[in-house]
Amino acid sequence: MVNFNVRFPDDLHARVRAQAAADRRSVNSEILHLIEVGLTAVAPETPDHPGGGPATPAPLCGKPDSPPQVGDTPTPM
């Protein structure tokens, strides 16, 4: 097993800690669970790609709160 240190903002750590308590898991187990769920949602397993295929990220369009630029595709609501 790999030991991996990550810095979390205080508010995100509090959210993960609260979710871990609600799910009766340790914070470490909750983070592993959330990563597994997230990766499965992005690249589900198929017979041709056990463990999932490579994820294709959405193109970057600036900061999340930046206004749309000319040529940006509007996000459906």
N, C-alpha and C. Protein backbone atom coordinates (compact mmCIF):
# COMPACT_ATOMS: atom_id res chain seq x y z
N MET A 1 0.85 -1.17 0.00
CA MET A 1 0.00 0.00 0.00
C MET A 1 0.90 1.24 0.00
N VAL A 2 0.49 2.26 -0.71
CA VAL A 2 1.24 3.50 -0.83
C VAL A 2 0.75 4.49 0.21
N ASN A 3 1.68 5.17 0.87
CA ASN A 3 1.34 6.25 1.79
C ASN A 3 1.37 7.54 0.99
N PHE A 4 0.26 8.27 0.94
CA PHE A 4 0.11 9.45 0.08
C PHE A 4 -0.47 10.58 0.91
N ASN A 5 0.25 11.67 1.03
CA ASN A 5 -0.22 12.82 1.81
C ASN A 5 -0.89 13.84 0.90
N VAL A 6 -2.05 14.32 1.35
CA VAL A 6 -2.81 15.30 0.59
C VAL A 6 -3.23 16.41 1.54
N ARG A 7 -3.14 17.65 1.07
CA ARG A 7 -3.63 18.79 1.86
C ARG A 7 -5.05 19.12 1.41
N PHE A 8 -5.96 19.21 2.37
CA PHE A 8 -7.36 19.54 2.11
C PHE A 8 -7.68 20.91 2.70
N PRO A 9 -8.48 21.70 2.00
CA PRO A 9 -9.00 22.92 2.63
C PRO A 9 -9.85 22.51 3.85
N ASP A 10 -9.90 23.37 4.86
CA ASP A 10 -10.63 23.04 6.09
C ASP A 10 -12.08 22.67 5.83
N ASP A 11 -12.76 23.41 4.94
CA ASP A 11 -14.17 23.12 4.69
C ASP A 11 -14.37 21.77 4.02
N LEU A 12 -13.48 21.39 3.11
CA LEU A 12 -13.60 20.09 2.45
C LEU A 12 -13.30 18.97 3.44
N HIS A 13 -12.31 19.16 4.29
CA HIS A 13 -12.01 18.16 5.31
C HIS A 13 -13.21 17.96 6.23
N ALA A 14 -13.86 19.03 6.61
CA ALA A 14 -15.04 18.93 7.48
C ALA A 14 -16.15 18.16 6.78
N ARG A 15 -16.35 18.40 5.49
CA ARG A 15 -17.39 17.67 4.74
C ARG A 15 -17.07 16.18 4.67
N VAL A 16 -15.81 15.85 4.39
CA VAL A 16 -15.41 14.44 4.31
C VAL A 16 -15.55 13.79 5.69
N ARG A 17 -15.13 14.49 6.73
CA ARG A 17 -15.23 13.95 8.09
C ARG A 17 -16.70 13.69 8.46
N ALA A 18 -17.59 14.63 8.11
CA ALA A 18 -19.01 14.45 8.41
C ALA A 18 -19.60 13.27 7.63
N GLN A 19 -19.23 13.15 6.36
CA GLN A 19 -19.73 12.04 5.55
C GLN A 19 -19.20 10.71 6.07
N ALA A 20 -17.93 10.68 6.48
CA ALA A 20 -17.35 9.46 7.04
C ALA A 20 -18.10 9.03 8.30
N ALA A 21 -18.44 9.98 9.15
CA ALA A 21 -19.19 9.66 10.36
C ALA A 21 -20.57 9.13 10.01
N ALA A 22 -21.22 9.75 9.04
CA ALA A 22 -22.55 9.29 8.63
C ALA A 22 -22.50 7.89 8.04
N ASP A 23 -21.42 7.56 7.35
CA ASP A 23 -21.27 6.23 6.72
C ASP A 23 -20.57 5.23 7.64
N ARG A 24 -20.22 5.68 8.88
CA ARG A 24 -19.53 4.84 9.85
C ARG A 24 -18.22 4.28 9.30
N ARG A 25 -17.45 5.18 8.67
CA ARG A 25 -16.13 4.84 8.13
C ARG A 25 -15.11 5.79 8.73
N SER A 26 -13.84 5.40 8.64
CA SER A 26 -12.77 6.33 8.98
C SER A 26 -12.68 7.36 7.85
N VAL A 27 -12.04 8.48 8.11
CA VAL A 27 -11.85 9.49 7.07
C VAL A 27 -11.06 8.89 5.91
N ASN A 28 -10.02 8.11 6.21
CA ASN A 28 -9.23 7.48 5.17
C ASN A 28 -10.09 6.55 4.32
N SER A 29 -10.90 5.70 4.96
CA SER A 29 -11.78 4.78 4.21
C SER A 29 -12.80 5.54 3.38
N GLU A 30 -13.30 6.65 3.92
CA GLU A 30 -14.28 7.46 3.17
C GLU A 30 -13.64 8.06 1.92
N ILE A 31 -12.42 8.56 2.04
CA ILE A 31 -11.73 9.14 0.89
C ILE A 31 -11.50 8.07 -0.17
N LEU A 32 -11.04 6.88 0.26
CA LEU A 32 -10.85 5.78 -0.70
C LEU A 32 -12.16 5.41 -1.39
N HIS A 33 -13.24 5.34 -0.62
CA HIS A 33 -14.56 5.03 -1.19
C HIS A 33 -14.97 6.08 -2.22
N LEU A 34 -14.81 7.36 -1.88
CA LEU A 34 -15.21 8.43 -2.79
C LEU A 34 -14.37 8.40 -4.07
N ILE A 35 -13.09 8.11 -3.97
CA ILE A 35 -12.24 8.01 -5.16
C ILE A 35 -12.70 6.84 -6.03
N GLU A 36 -12.95 5.68 -5.40
CA GLU A 36 -13.41 4.50 -6.16
C GLU A 36 -14.72 4.79 -6.88
N VAL A 37 -15.68 5.40 -6.18
CA VAL A 37 -16.97 5.73 -6.79
C VAL A 37 -16.78 6.72 -7.93
N GLY A 38 -15.95 7.72 -7.72
CA GLY A 38 -15.71 8.72 -8.76
C GLY A 38 -15.04 8.14 -9.98
N LEU A 39 -14.06 7.29 -9.79
CA LEU A 39 -13.38 6.68 -10.93
C LEU A 39 -14.27 5.70 -11.67
N THR A 40 -15.12 4.99 -10.95
CA THR A 40 -16.05 4.07 -11.60
C THR A 40 -17.06 4.84 -12.44
N ALA A 41 -17.50 6.00 -11.95
CA ALA A 41 -18.46 6.81 -12.70
C ALA A 41 -17.83 7.37 -13.97
N VAL A 42 -16.54 7.69 -13.91
CA VAL A 42 -15.85 8.26 -15.07
C VAL A 42 -15.49 7.20 -16.08
N ALA A 43 -15.00 6.05 -15.61
CA ALA A 43 -14.53 5.00 -16.52
C ALA A 43 -15.01 3.64 -16.01
N PRO A 44 -16.28 3.30 -16.31
CA PRO A 44 -16.79 2.02 -15.81
C PRO A 44 -16.05 0.84 -16.45
N GLU A 45 -16.02 -0.27 -15.70
CA GLU A 45 -15.37 -1.47 -16.21
C GLU A 45 -16.17 -2.05 -17.36
N THR A 46 -15.46 -2.58 -18.34
CA THR A 46 -16.07 -3.30 -19.45
C THR A 46 -15.24 -4.56 -19.66
N PRO A 47 -15.78 -5.56 -20.37
CA PRO A 47 -14.98 -6.76 -20.61
C PRO A 47 -13.65 -6.46 -21.31
N ASP A 48 -13.63 -5.45 -22.18
CA ASP A 48 -12.41 -5.10 -22.90
C ASP A 48 -11.44 -4.28 -22.06
N HIS A 49 -11.94 -3.60 -21.03
CA HIS A 49 -11.10 -2.74 -20.19
C HIS A 49 -11.38 -2.99 -18.71
N PRO A 50 -10.90 -4.14 -18.17
CA PRO A 50 -11.11 -4.35 -16.73
C PRO A 50 -10.46 -3.23 -15.93
N GLY A 51 -11.16 -2.76 -14.94
CA GLY A 51 -10.65 -1.65 -14.15
C GLY A 51 -11.02 -0.31 -14.73
N GLY A 52 -11.69 -0.31 -15.90
CA GLY A 52 -12.11 0.93 -16.54
C GLY A 52 -11.11 1.42 -17.55
N GLY A 53 -11.57 2.21 -18.46
CA GLY A 53 -10.71 2.78 -19.49
C GLY A 53 -10.19 4.12 -19.07
N PRO A 54 -9.37 4.74 -19.91
CA PRO A 54 -8.85 6.06 -19.56
C PRO A 54 -9.97 7.10 -19.54
N ALA A 55 -9.90 8.00 -18.60
CA ALA A 55 -10.90 9.07 -18.51
C ALA A 55 -10.56 10.17 -19.51
N THR A 56 -11.59 10.77 -20.08
CA THR A 56 -11.41 11.89 -20.98
C THR A 56 -11.95 13.14 -20.29
N PRO A 57 -11.08 14.03 -19.83
CA PRO A 57 -11.57 15.21 -19.12
C PRO A 57 -12.25 16.19 -20.07
N ALA A 58 -13.16 16.97 -19.52
CA ALA A 58 -13.80 18.02 -20.29
C ALA A 58 -12.77 19.10 -20.61
N PRO A 59 -12.93 19.79 -21.73
CA PRO A 59 -11.97 20.85 -22.04
C PRO A 59 -12.05 21.96 -21.01
N LEU A 60 -10.91 22.56 -20.71
CA LEU A 60 -10.88 23.65 -19.74
C LEU A 60 -11.38 24.94 -20.37
N CYS A 61 -12.18 25.68 -19.62
CA CYS A 61 -12.74 26.93 -20.13
C CYS A 61 -12.52 28.06 -19.13
N GLY A 62 -11.47 28.02 -18.36
CA GLY A 62 -11.22 29.08 -17.39
C GLY A 62 -11.67 28.67 -16.01
N LYS A 63 -11.71 29.63 -15.11
CA LYS A 63 -12.12 29.36 -13.74
C LYS A 63 -13.60 29.01 -13.71
N PRO A 64 -14.04 28.24 -12.69
CA PRO A 64 -15.46 27.87 -12.61
C PRO A 64 -16.40 29.06 -12.54
N ASP A 65 -15.95 30.18 -11.97
CA ASP A 65 -16.83 31.34 -11.84
C ASP A 65 -16.58 32.39 -12.93
N SER A 66 -15.77 32.06 -13.94
CA SER A 66 -15.50 33.03 -14.99
C SER A 66 -16.66 33.07 -15.98
N PRO A 67 -16.93 34.22 -16.59
CA PRO A 67 -18.02 34.30 -17.56
C PRO A 67 -17.66 33.52 -18.82
N PRO A 68 -18.68 33.05 -19.57
CA PRO A 68 -18.41 32.31 -20.78
C PRO A 68 -17.66 33.15 -21.80
N GLN A 69 -16.81 32.51 -22.56
CA GLN A 69 -16.05 33.18 -23.61
C GLN A 69 -16.73 32.95 -24.95
N VAL A 70 -16.40 33.73 -25.93
CA VAL A 70 -16.95 33.58 -27.27
C VAL A 70 -16.56 32.19 -27.77
N GLY A 71 -17.55 31.43 -28.26
CA GLY A 71 -17.31 30.10 -28.76
C GLY A 71 -17.52 29.00 -27.76
N ASP A 72 -17.71 29.36 -26.45
CA ASP A 72 -17.99 28.33 -25.44
C ASP A 72 -19.38 27.76 -25.68
N THR A 73 -19.48 26.47 -25.50
CA THR A 73 -20.78 25.81 -25.63
C THR A 73 -21.54 26.00 -24.33
N PRO A 74 -22.79 26.47 -24.39
CA PRO A 74 -23.55 26.64 -23.15
C PRO A 74 -23.81 25.29 -22.48
N THR A 75 -23.80 25.30 -21.15
CA THR A 75 -24.08 24.09 -20.39
C THR A 75 -25.57 23.91 -20.27
N PRO A 76 -26.10 22.71 -20.66
CA PRO A 76 -27.55 22.49 -20.53
C PRO A 76 -27.94 22.44 -19.06
N MET A 77 -29.12 22.93 -18.75
CA MET A 77 -29.60 22.95 -17.36
C MET A 77 -30.67 21.94 -17.16
